[in-house]
C-alpha atoms as a PDB file:
ATOM      1  CA  GLN A   1      83.217  -8.338  24.837  1.00  0.00           C
ATOM      2  CA  VAL A   2      83.568  -4.629  24.341  1.00  0.00           C
ATOM      3  CA  GLN A   3      85.887  -3.061  21.790  1.00  0.00           C
ATOM      4  CA  LEU A   4      87.211   0.446  22.377  1.00  0.00           C
ATOM      5  CA  VAL A   5      88.516   2.996  19.886  1.00  0.00           C
ATOM      6  CA  GLU A   6      90.007   6.332  20.917  1.00  0.00           C
ATOM      7  CA  SER A   7      90.001   9.450  18.777  1.00  0.00           C
ATOM      8  CA  GLY A   8      90.629  13.149  19.094  1.00  0.00           C
ATOM      9  CA  GLY A   9      94.337  13.291  19.739  1.00  0.00           C
ATOM     10  CA  GLY A  10      96.637  15.722  18.002  1.00  0.00           C
ATOM     11  CA  LEU A  11      99.037  18.605  18.340  1.00  0.00           C
ATOM     12  CA  VAL A  12      98.020  21.620  20.391  1.00  0.00           C
ATOM     13  CA  GLN A  13      99.806  24.589  21.912  1.00  0.00           C
ATOM     14  CA  ALA A  14     100.159  24.939  25.649  1.00  0.00           C
ATOM     15  CA  GLY A  15      97.008  26.433  27.120  1.00  0.00           C
ATOM     16  CA  GLY A  16      94.840  24.898  24.439  1.00  0.00           C
ATOM     17  CA  SER A  17      92.172  22.230  24.599  1.00  0.00           C
ATOM     18  CA  LEU A  18      91.454  18.832  23.119  1.00  0.00           C
ATOM     19  CA  ARG A  19      88.549  16.470  23.486  1.00  0.00           C
ATOM     20  CA  LEU A  20      89.277  12.774  23.351  1.00  0.00           C
ATOM     21  CA  SER A  21      86.550  10.267  22.678  1.00  0.00           C
ATOM     22  CA  CYS A  22      86.383   6.587  23.528  1.00  0.00           C
ATOM     23  CA  ALA A  23      83.836   4.794  21.373  1.00  0.00           C
ATOM     24  CA  ALA A  24      82.592   1.382  22.395  1.00  0.00           C
ATOM     25  CA  SER A  25      81.218  -1.387  20.223  1.00  0.00           C
ATOM     26  CA  GLY A  26      80.003  -4.838  21.015  1.00  0.00           C
ATOM     27  CA  ARG A  27      78.575  -3.871  24.402  1.00  0.00           C
ATOM     28  CA  THR A  28      76.901  -0.912  26.053  1.00  0.00           C
ATOM     29  CA  ILE A  29      79.563   1.321  27.555  1.00  0.00           C
ATOM     30  CA  SER A  30      77.365   2.171  30.534  1.00  0.00           C
ATOM     31  CA  THR A  31      77.827  -1.362  31.838  1.00  0.00           C
ATOM     32  CA  TYR A  32      81.545  -0.733  32.352  1.00  0.00           C
ATOM     33  CA  ALA A  33      83.638   1.538  34.475  1.00  0.00           C
ATOM     34  CA  ILE A  34      85.846   3.498  32.095  1.00  0.00           C
ATOM     35  CA  GLY A  35      89.270   4.908  32.725  1.00  0.00           C
ATOM     36  CA  TRP A  36      91.463   7.200  30.701  1.00  0.00           C
ATOM     37  CA  PHE A  37      95.167   6.473  31.023  1.00  0.00           C
ATOM     38  CA  ARG A  38      98.276   7.998  29.541  1.00  0.00           C
ATOM     39  CA  GLN A  39     101.786   6.780  29.009  1.00  0.00           C
ATOM     40  CA  VAL A  40     105.050   8.386  28.040  1.00  0.00           C
ATOM     41  CA  PRO A  41     107.903   6.158  26.816  1.00  0.00           C
ATOM     42  CA  GLY A  42     110.070   5.144  29.745  1.00  0.00           C
ATOM     43  CA  LYS A  43     107.456   6.063  32.346  1.00  0.00           C
ATOM     44  CA  GLU A  44     104.740   4.123  34.076  1.00  0.00           C
ATOM     45  CA  ARG A  45     101.213   4.305  32.772  1.00  0.00           C
ATOM     46  CA  GLU A  46      99.124   6.809  34.700  1.00  0.00           C
ATOM     47  CA  ARG A  47      95.383   6.799  35.185  1.00  0.00           C
ATOM     48  CA  VAL A  48      94.238  10.374  34.674  1.00  0.00           C
ATOM     49  CA  ALA A  49      90.475  10.031  35.022  1.00  0.00           C
ATOM     50  CA  SER A  50      87.799   7.432  35.544  1.00  0.00           C
ATOM     51  CA  ILE A  51      84.047   7.195  35.640  1.00  0.00           C
ATOM     52  CA  ALA A  52      82.329   4.516  37.652  1.00  0.00           C
ATOM     53  CA  PHE A  53      79.165   2.573  36.941  1.00  0.00           C
ATOM     54  CA  GLY A  54      77.091   5.032  38.923  1.00  0.00           C
ATOM     55  CA  GLY A  55      78.679   8.026  37.236  1.00  0.00           C
ATOM     56  CA  SER A  56      81.046   9.130  39.969  1.00  0.00           C
ATOM     57  CA  THR A  57      84.340  10.469  38.649  1.00  0.00           C
ATOM     58  CA  ASN A  58      87.902  10.488  39.853  1.00  0.00           C
ATOM     59  CA  TYR A  59      90.922  12.447  38.644  1.00  0.00           C
ATOM     60  CA  ALA A  60      94.650  12.366  39.107  1.00  0.00           C
ATOM     61  CA  ASP A  61      95.930  15.367  41.009  1.00  0.00           C
ATOM     62  CA  SER A  62      97.955  16.394  37.972  1.00  0.00           C
ATOM     63  CA  VAL A  63      94.822  16.983  35.885  1.00  0.00           C
ATOM     64  CA  LYS A  64      92.242  17.920  38.494  1.00  0.00           C
ATOM     65  CA  GLY A  65      90.424  21.096  37.511  1.00  0.00           C
ATOM     66  CA  ARG A  66      91.626  20.876  33.913  1.00  0.00           C
ATOM     67  CA  PHE A  67      90.255  17.558  32.624  1.00  0.00           C
ATOM     68  CA  THR A  68      86.656  16.372  32.666  1.00  0.00           C
ATOM     69  CA  ILE A  69      85.465  12.847  31.960  1.00  0.00           C
ATOM     70  CA  SER A  70      81.901  12.301  30.822  1.00  0.00           C
ATOM     71  CA  ARG A  71      79.757   9.492  29.525  1.00  0.00           C
ATOM     72  CA  ASP A  72      77.297   9.776  26.631  1.00  0.00           C
ATOM     73  CA  ASN A  73      75.109   6.691  26.738  1.00  0.00           C
ATOM     74  CA  ALA A  74      73.269   7.641  23.552  1.00  0.00           C
ATOM     75  CA  LYS A  75      76.520   7.721  21.601  1.00  0.00           C
ATOM     76  CA  ASN A  76      78.062   4.854  23.582  1.00  0.00           C
ATOM     77  CA  THR A  77      81.130   6.970  24.248  1.00  0.00           C
ATOM     78  CA  VAL A  78      83.157   8.304  27.142  1.00  0.00           C
ATOM     79  CA  ASP A  79      84.899  11.586  26.452  1.00  0.00           C
ATOM     80  CA  LEU A  80      87.819  13.321  28.095  1.00  0.00           C
ATOM     81  CA  GLN A  81      87.745  17.099  27.795  1.00  0.00           C
ATOM     82  CA  MET A  82      91.227  18.455  28.348  1.00  0.00           C
ATOM     83  CA  ASN A  83      91.661  22.165  28.962  1.00  0.00           C
ATOM     84  CA  SER A  84      94.652  24.327  29.870  1.00  0.00           C
ATOM     85  CA  LEU A  85      96.960  21.731  28.416  1.00  0.00           C
ATOM     86  CA  LYS A  86     100.595  21.686  29.441  1.00  0.00           C
ATOM     87  CA  PRO A  87     103.636  20.206  27.709  1.00  0.00           C
ATOM     88  CA  GLU A  88     103.775  17.579  30.455  1.00  0.00           C
ATOM     89  CA  ASP A  89     100.373  16.310  29.280  1.00  0.00           C
ATOM     90  CA  THR A  90     102.079  15.007  26.152  1.00  0.00           C
ATOM     91  CA  ALA A  91     101.518  11.246  26.008  1.00  0.00           C
ATOM     92  CA  VAL A  92      99.629   8.468  24.320  1.00  0.00           C
ATOM     93  CA  TYR A  93      96.166   8.354  25.843  1.00  0.00           C
ATOM     94  CA  TYR A  94      94.254   5.119  26.210  1.00  0.00           C
ATOM     95  CA  CYS A  95      90.759   4.341  27.370  1.00  0.00           C
ATOM     96  CA  ALA A  96      90.029   1.112  29.158  1.00  0.00           C
ATOM     97  CA  ALA A  97      86.961  -0.694  30.453  1.00  0.00           C
ATOM     98  CA  ARG A  98      86.447  -2.570  33.683  1.00  0.00           C
ATOM     99  CA  ALA A  99      83.523  -4.940  33.998  1.00  0.00           C
ATOM    100  CA  LEU A 100      81.263  -5.029  37.043  1.00  0.00           C
ATOM    101  CA  GLY A 101      82.800  -7.093  39.815  1.00  0.00           C
ATOM    102  CA  ILE A 102      86.225  -7.068  38.219  1.00  0.00           C
ATOM    103  CA  THR A 103      89.046  -5.068  39.783  1.00  0.00           C
ATOM    104  CA  THR A 104      91.243  -4.657  36.724  1.00  0.00           C
ATOM    105  CA  TYR A 105      90.746  -2.941  33.397  1.00  0.00           C
ATOM    106  CA  GLY A 106      90.560  -5.796  30.943  1.00  0.00           C
ATOM    107  CA  TYR A 107      89.693  -4.053  27.690  1.00  0.00           C
ATOM    108  CA  TRP A 108      91.896  -1.431  26.074  1.00  0.00           C
ATOM    109  CA  GLY A 109      91.835   0.755  23.023  1.00  0.00           C
ATOM    110  CA  GLN A 110      94.784   1.292  20.715  1.00  0.00           C
ATOM    111  CA  GLY A 111      95.564   4.762  22.016  1.00  0.00           C
ATOM    112  CA  THR A 112      95.602   8.261  20.608  1.00  0.00           C
ATOM    113  CA  GLU A 113      98.609  10.546  20.721  1.00  0.00           C
ATOM    114  CA  VAL A 114      98.480  13.981  22.316  1.00  0.00           C
ATOM    115  CA  THR A 115     101.334  16.424  21.862  1.00  0.00           C
ATOM    116  CA  VAL A 116     101.357  19.767  23.651  1.00  0.00           C
ATOM    117  CA  SER A 117     103.928  22.233  22.403  1.00  0.00           C
ATOM    118  CA  SER A 118     105.357  24.965  24.583  1.00  0.00           C
END
């Protein structure tokens, strides 16, 4: 099984940038589809970006053009570059892995908190 650990969260002013990293251990991250999700207390979890096995990416409309997901096979990580951050991006961000042939994300990290001040 793969274990995931997120890092890179913090406090940033609106308009700033952060880069989140999802580090995998136990398995090669390239054998999983990876998604970045975020959740605010009282709201449903939202998938903000994902990268498929073949490298194709997908973004939520709310982050399109501002966030970029990328995979670094050498480091066994999947990063989320977040630019032009807005206060509404404030959330706990999680990365999750989905195995080939499986439709749900079965492996989750512990989350990293992002706070964007206005």
